[in-house]
Amino acid sequence: MNRYTISKLAEGAGVSVHIVRDYLLRGLLRPVARTQGGYGLFDEAALQRLCLVRAAFEAGIGLDALARLCRALDTSDGDQAAAQLTALRQIVKRRREALADLEAQLATLPSEHSTRRVCHE
């Protein structure tokens, strides 16, 4: 089983160590073991979760919603986890719809090139 330190976990996910530490404080991640010196060690599942959380955050999902999801996934309460996943899917659906609306509006705008020409005339 691969074990990752915080720095290797951060490197594997392409984020800074500060982000990993912040996510640890928020309860989004947790170590699976500790070294004799007390440093956290993480596994492949933690790396996958970090990548999921980061992708969701980059897509506009708030850290509070992600923390609720991670807490629910970490408990043995399947109903709570399912409810949090449903809520997250609803957020993603609304974001997709909003982005589709924005894309349609952008398509009606004149291109940058024609805008410049109009402005300089």
C-alpha atoms as a PDB file:
ATOM      1  CA  MET A   1       0.000   0.000   0.000  1.00  0.00           C
ATOM      2  CA  ASN A   2       1.351   3.414  -0.949  1.00  0.00           C
ATOM      3  CA  ARG A   3       1.736   5.855   1.911  1.00  0.00           C
ATOM      4  CA  TYR A   4       1.989   9.572   1.299  1.00  0.00           C
ATOM      5  CA  THR A   5       3.263  12.364   3.480  1.00  0.00           C
ATOM      6  CA  ILE A   6       1.465  15.688   3.236  1.00  0.00           C
ATOM      7  CA  SER A   7       4.035  16.959   0.752  1.00  0.00           C
ATOM      8  CA  LYS A   8       3.785  13.848  -1.450  1.00  0.00           C
ATOM      9  CA  LEU A   9      -0.010  13.978  -1.272  1.00  0.00           C
ATOM     10  CA  ALA A  10       0.059  17.611  -2.347  1.00  0.00           C
ATOM     11  CA  GLU A  11       2.474  16.827  -5.161  1.00  0.00           C
ATOM     12  CA  GLY A  12       0.330  13.918  -6.346  1.00  0.00           C
ATOM     13  CA  ALA A  13      -2.756  16.143  -6.545  1.00  0.00           C
ATOM     14  CA  GLY A  14      -0.946  19.158  -7.978  1.00  0.00           C
ATOM     15  CA  VAL A  15      -1.787  21.444  -5.063  1.00  0.00           C
ATOM     16  CA  SER A  16       0.210  23.219  -2.395  1.00  0.00           C
ATOM     17  CA  VAL A  17       0.967  21.778   1.020  1.00  0.00           C
ATOM     18  CA  HIS A  18      -1.000  24.708   2.471  1.00  0.00           C
ATOM     19  CA  ILE A  19      -4.144  23.516   0.685  1.00  0.00           C
ATOM     20  CA  VAL A  20      -3.710  19.991   2.048  1.00  0.00           C
ATOM     21  CA  ARG A  21      -3.244  21.345   5.565  1.00  0.00           C
ATOM     22  CA  ASP A  22      -6.310  23.552   5.210  1.00  0.00           C
ATOM     23  CA  TYR A  23      -8.357  20.585   4.024  1.00  0.00           C
ATOM     24  CA  LEU A  24      -7.119  18.559   7.004  1.00  0.00           C
ATOM     25  CA  LEU A  25      -8.247  21.291   9.394  1.00  0.00           C
ATOM     26  CA  ARG A  26     -11.654  21.426   7.699  1.00  0.00           C
ATOM     27  CA  GLY A  27     -12.099  17.664   7.970  1.00  0.00           C
ATOM     28  CA  LEU A  28     -11.968  17.025   4.232  1.00  0.00           C
ATOM     29  CA  LEU A  29      -9.023  14.652   4.630  1.00  0.00           C
ATOM     30  CA  ARG A  30      -7.682  12.500   7.417  1.00  0.00           C
ATOM     31  CA  PRO A  31      -4.519  10.488   7.762  1.00  0.00           C
ATOM     32  CA  VAL A  32      -4.785   6.710   7.822  1.00  0.00           C
ATOM     33  CA  ALA A  33      -1.709   6.349  10.033  1.00  0.00           C
ATOM     34  CA  ARG A  34       0.944   8.378  11.831  1.00  0.00           C
ATOM     35  CA  THR A  35       4.717   8.136  11.863  1.00  0.00           C
ATOM     36  CA  GLN A  36       6.560   7.707  15.157  1.00  0.00           C
ATOM     37  CA  GLY A  37       7.139  11.444  14.998  1.00  0.00           C
ATOM     38  CA  GLY A  38       3.395  12.105  14.737  1.00  0.00           C
ATOM     39  CA  TYR A  39       3.281  13.058  11.058  1.00  0.00           C
ATOM     40  CA  GLY A  40       0.186  12.004   9.143  1.00  0.00           C
ATOM     41  CA  LEU A  41       0.384   9.365   6.439  1.00  0.00           C
ATOM     42  CA  PHE A  42      -2.183   9.087   3.665  1.00  0.00           C
ATOM     43  CA  ASP A  43      -3.216   6.361   1.245  1.00  0.00           C
ATOM     44  CA  GLU A  44      -4.488   6.194  -2.342  1.00  0.00           C
ATOM     45  CA  ALA A  45      -8.050   6.830  -1.169  1.00  0.00           C
ATOM     46  CA  ALA A  46      -6.916  10.115   0.413  1.00  0.00           C
ATOM     47  CA  LEU A  47      -5.236  11.129  -2.844  1.00  0.00           C
ATOM     48  CA  GLN A  48      -8.410  10.321  -4.775  1.00  0.00           C
ATOM     49  CA  ARG A  49     -10.486  12.304  -2.290  1.00  0.00           C
ATOM     50  CA  LEU A  50      -8.116  15.255  -2.495  1.00  0.00           C
ATOM     51  CA  CYS A  51      -8.412  15.227  -6.296  1.00  0.00           C
ATOM     52  CA  LEU A  52     -12.219  15.019  -6.061  1.00  0.00           C
ATOM     53  CA  VAL A  53     -12.441  17.828  -3.520  1.00  0.00           C
ATOM     54  CA  ARG A  54     -10.099  20.013  -5.556  1.00  0.00           C
ATOM     55  CA  ALA A  55     -12.031  19.406  -8.789  1.00  0.00           C
ATOM     56  CA  ALA A  56     -15.317  20.184  -7.042  1.00  0.00           C
ATOM     57  CA  PHE A  57     -13.863  23.331  -5.494  1.00  0.00           C
ATOM     58  CA  GLU A  58     -12.501  24.478  -8.856  1.00  0.00           C
ATOM     59  CA  ALA A  59     -15.995  23.899 -10.292  1.00  0.00           C
ATOM     60  CA  GLY A  60     -17.417  26.302  -7.723  1.00  0.00           C
ATOM     61  CA  ILE A  61     -18.588  23.950  -4.982  1.00  0.00           C
ATOM     62  CA  GLY A  62     -18.063  25.542  -1.582  1.00  0.00           C
ATOM     63  CA  LEU A  63     -15.794  24.013   1.022  1.00  0.00           C
ATOM     64  CA  ASP A  64     -18.651  23.849   3.544  1.00  0.00           C
ATOM     65  CA  ALA A  65     -20.685  21.614   1.211  1.00  0.00           C
ATOM     66  CA  LEU A  66     -17.606  19.503   0.547  1.00  0.00           C
ATOM     67  CA  ALA A  67     -16.893  19.176   4.272  1.00  0.00           C
ATOM     68  CA  ARG A  68     -20.461  17.960   4.867  1.00  0.00           C
ATOM     69  CA  LEU A  69     -20.015  15.405   2.093  1.00  0.00           C
ATOM     70  CA  CYS A  70     -16.666  14.181   3.444  1.00  0.00           C
ATOM     71  CA  ARG A  71     -17.989  13.908   7.005  1.00  0.00           C
ATOM     72  CA  ALA A  72     -20.942  11.888   5.734  1.00  0.00           C
ATOM     73  CA  LEU A  73     -18.660   9.625   3.699  1.00  0.00           C
ATOM     74  CA  ASP A  74     -16.444   9.085   6.748  1.00  0.00           C
ATOM     75  CA  THR A  75     -19.329   7.905   8.904  1.00  0.00           C
ATOM     76  CA  SER A  76     -21.147   4.633   8.527  1.00  0.00           C
ATOM     77  CA  ASP A  77     -24.414   6.519   7.894  1.00  0.00           C
ATOM     78  CA  GLY A  78     -25.157   5.591   4.279  1.00  0.00           C
ATOM     79  CA  ASP A  79     -28.364   7.635   4.248  1.00  0.00           C
ATOM     80  CA  GLN A  80     -26.517  10.826   5.179  1.00  0.00           C
ATOM     81  CA  ALA A  81     -23.829  10.174   2.571  1.00  0.00           C
ATOM     82  CA  ALA A  82     -26.481   9.541  -0.081  1.00  0.00           C
ATOM     83  CA  ALA A  83     -28.271  12.765   0.898  1.00  0.00           C
ATOM     84  CA  GLN A  84     -25.046  14.767   0.636  1.00  0.00           C
ATOM     85  CA  LEU A  85     -24.225  13.227  -2.758  1.00  0.00           C
ATOM     86  CA  THR A  86     -27.733  14.085  -3.981  1.00  0.00           C
ATOM     87  CA  ALA A  87     -27.313  17.676  -2.780  1.00  0.00           C
ATOM     88  CA  LEU A  88     -23.941  17.928  -4.519  1.00  0.00           C
ATOM     89  CA  ARG A  89     -25.392  16.566  -7.763  1.00  0.00           C
ATOM     90  CA  GLN A  90     -28.141  19.208  -7.581  1.00  0.00           C
ATOM     91  CA  ILE A  91     -25.512  21.942  -7.205  1.00  0.00           C
ATOM     92  CA  VAL A  92     -23.623  20.550 -10.211  1.00  0.00           C
ATOM     93  CA  LYS A  93     -26.836  20.421 -12.248  1.00  0.00           C
ATOM     94  CA  ARG A  94     -27.659  24.052 -11.436  1.00  0.00           C
ATOM     95  CA  ARG A  95     -24.097  25.106 -12.304  1.00  0.00           C
ATOM     96  CA  ARG A  96     -24.295  23.320 -15.666  1.00  0.00           C
ATOM     97  CA  GLU A  97     -27.571  25.061 -16.464  1.00  0.00           C
ATOM     98  CA  ALA A  98     -26.147  28.438 -15.457  1.00  0.00           C
ATOM     99  CA  LEU A  99     -23.045  27.863 -17.584  1.00  0.00           C
ATOM    100  CA  ALA A 100     -25.180  26.808 -20.562  1.00  0.00           C
ATOM    101  CA  ASP A 101     -27.220  30.006 -20.194  1.00  0.00           C
ATOM    102  CA  LEU A 102     -24.036  32.056 -19.991  1.00  0.00           C
ATOM    103  CA  GLU A 103     -22.609  30.336 -23.062  1.00  0.00           C
ATOM    104  CA  ALA A 104     -25.790  31.102 -25.018  1.00  0.00           C
ATOM    105  CA  GLN A 105     -25.599  34.758 -23.992  1.00  0.00           C
ATOM    106  CA  LEU A 106     -21.928  34.970 -24.945  1.00  0.00           C
ATOM    107  CA  ALA A 107     -22.731  33.530 -28.367  1.00  0.00           C
ATOM    108  CA  THR A 108     -24.999  36.521 -29.061  1.00  0.00           C
ATOM    109  CA  LEU A 109     -22.251  39.051 -28.354  1.00  0.00           C
ATOM    110  CA  PRO A 110     -20.120  40.406 -31.162  1.00  0.00           C
ATOM    111  CA  SER A 111     -16.640  38.936 -31.383  1.00  0.00           C
ATOM    112  CA  GLU A 112     -13.711  40.790 -29.832  1.00  0.00           C
ATOM    113  CA  HIS A 113     -12.385  41.654 -33.271  1.00  0.00           C
ATOM    114  CA  SER A 114     -15.612  43.266 -34.434  1.00  0.00           C
ATOM    115  CA  THR A 115     -16.005  45.043 -31.088  1.00  0.00           C
ATOM    116  CA  ARG A 116     -12.594  46.638 -31.463  1.00  0.00           C
ATOM    117  CA  ARG A 117     -13.374  47.771 -34.973  1.00  0.00           C
ATOM    118  CA  VAL A 118     -16.627  49.395 -33.861  1.00  0.00           C
ATOM    119  CA  CYS A 119     -14.963  51.111 -30.921  1.00  0.00           C
ATOM    120  CA  HIS A 120     -12.172  52.617 -33.009  1.00  0.00           C
ATOM    121  CA  GLU A 121     -14.346  53.970 -35.797  1.00  0.00           C
END
